[in-house]
């Protein structure tokens, strides 16, 4: 499972909830989670923060 999907679910957020917090359409989150869209570093940091996570810790999980 994708680290962003896992993190979003652990935060108790739906794709629509996350998209609303990011002020983006829900399709933005859906395309990222489906692997249809890449996330740049700035977006990754923003996504982590709106989920209440430390971007450094979330990024470290990618290396595991």
C-alpha atoms as a PDB file:
ATOM      1  CA  UNK A   1       0.000   0.000   0.000  1.00  0.00           C
ATOM      2  CA  UNK A   2       1.167   3.498  -0.840  1.00  0.00           C
ATOM      3  CA  UNK A   3       2.666   5.401   2.111  1.00  0.00           C
ATOM      4  CA  UNK A   4       0.401   8.366   1.439  1.00  0.00           C
ATOM      5  CA  UNK A   5      -2.703   6.169   1.399  1.00  0.00           C
ATOM      6  CA  UNK A   6      -1.653   4.492   4.658  1.00  0.00           C
ATOM      7  CA  UNK A   7      -0.920   7.832   6.289  1.00  0.00           C
ATOM      8  CA  UNK A   8      -4.196   9.356   5.130  1.00  0.00           C
ATOM      9  CA  UNK A   9      -6.178   6.392   6.422  1.00  0.00           C
ATOM     10  CA  UNK A  10      -4.325   6.417   9.759  1.00  0.00           C
ATOM     11  CA  UNK A  11      -5.171  10.113  10.057  1.00  0.00           C
ATOM     12  CA  UNK A  12      -8.835   9.160   9.629  1.00  0.00           C
ATOM     13  CA  UNK A  13      -9.219  11.141   6.422  1.00  0.00           C
ATOM     14  CA  UNK A  14     -10.993  10.283   3.201  1.00  0.00           C
ATOM     15  CA  UNK A  15      -9.610  11.396  -0.139  1.00  0.00           C
ATOM     16  CA  UNK A  16     -12.242  14.132  -0.169  1.00  0.00           C
ATOM     17  CA  UNK A  17     -11.264  15.279   3.348  1.00  0.00           C
ATOM     18  CA  UNK A  18      -7.601  15.518   2.365  1.00  0.00           C
ATOM     19  CA  UNK A  19      -8.429  17.307  -0.871  1.00  0.00           C
ATOM     20  CA  UNK A  20     -10.569  19.834   1.015  1.00  0.00           C
ATOM     21  CA  UNK A  21      -7.721  20.540   3.443  1.00  0.00           C
ATOM     22  CA  UNK A  22      -5.381  20.994   0.494  1.00  0.00           C
ATOM     23  CA  UNK A  23      -7.946  23.204  -1.269  1.00  0.00           C
ATOM     24  CA  UNK A  24      -7.716  20.968  -4.340  1.00  0.00           C
ATOM     25  CA  UNK A  25     -10.282  18.847  -6.201  1.00  0.00           C
ATOM     26  CA  UNK A  26     -10.670  15.313  -4.859  1.00  0.00           C
ATOM     27  CA  UNK A  27      -9.362  14.007  -8.187  1.00  0.00           C
ATOM     28  CA  UNK A  28      -5.964  15.506  -7.257  1.00  0.00           C
ATOM     29  CA  UNK A  29      -5.641  13.104  -4.322  1.00  0.00           C
ATOM     30  CA  UNK A  30      -7.165  10.218  -6.268  1.00  0.00           C
ATOM     31  CA  UNK A  31      -4.667  10.554  -9.126  1.00  0.00           C
ATOM     32  CA  UNK A  32      -1.735  10.686  -6.694  1.00  0.00           C
ATOM     33  CA  UNK A  33      -2.908   7.593  -4.834  1.00  0.00           C
ATOM     34  CA  UNK A  34      -3.566   5.718  -8.081  1.00  0.00           C
ATOM     35  CA  UNK A  35      -0.037   6.476  -9.249  1.00  0.00           C
ATOM     36  CA  UNK A  36      -1.285   8.585 -12.151  1.00  0.00           C
ATOM     37  CA  UNK A  37       0.347  11.753 -10.839  1.00  0.00           C
ATOM     38  CA  UNK A  38       3.705  12.379  -9.231  1.00  0.00           C
ATOM     39  CA  UNK A  39       4.124  14.579  -6.181  1.00  0.00           C
ATOM     40  CA  UNK A  40       6.868  17.163  -6.010  1.00  0.00           C
ATOM     41  CA  UNK A  41       8.695  17.931  -2.768  1.00  0.00           C
ATOM     42  CA  UNK A  42       6.663  21.034  -1.945  1.00  0.00           C
ATOM     43  CA  UNK A  43       3.390  19.150  -2.452  1.00  0.00           C
ATOM     44  CA  UNK A  44       4.688  16.239  -0.333  1.00  0.00           C
ATOM     45  CA  UNK A  45       5.479  18.615   2.534  1.00  0.00           C
ATOM     46  CA  UNK A  46       2.058  20.265   2.252  1.00  0.00           C
ATOM     47  CA  UNK A  47       0.259  16.900   2.175  1.00  0.00           C
ATOM     48  CA  UNK A  48       2.161  15.649   5.228  1.00  0.00           C
ATOM     49  CA  UNK A  49       1.453  18.807   7.181  1.00  0.00           C
ATOM     50  CA  UNK A  50      -2.283  18.867   6.479  1.00  0.00           C
ATOM     51  CA  UNK A  51      -2.427  15.271   7.719  1.00  0.00           C
ATOM     52  CA  UNK A  52      -0.688  16.437  10.912  1.00  0.00           C
ATOM     53  CA  UNK A  53       2.535  14.577  10.152  1.00  0.00           C
ATOM     54  CA  UNK A  54       6.163  15.615  10.161  1.00  0.00           C
ATOM     55  CA  UNK A  55       7.269  15.564   6.510  1.00  0.00           C
ATOM     56  CA  UNK A  56      10.754  14.318   7.511  1.00  0.00           C
ATOM     57  CA  UNK A  57       9.312  11.293   9.312  1.00  0.00           C
ATOM     58  CA  UNK A  58       6.940  10.519   6.450  1.00  0.00           C
ATOM     59  CA  UNK A  59       9.775  10.797   3.927  1.00  0.00           C
ATOM     60  CA  UNK A  60      11.916   8.471   6.068  1.00  0.00           C
ATOM     61  CA  UNK A  61       9.184   5.820   5.796  1.00  0.00           C
ATOM     62  CA  UNK A  62       9.696   5.840   2.027  1.00  0.00           C
ATOM     63  CA  UNK A  63      13.256   4.607   2.499  1.00  0.00           C
ATOM     64  CA  UNK A  64      12.185   1.671   4.708  1.00  0.00           C
END
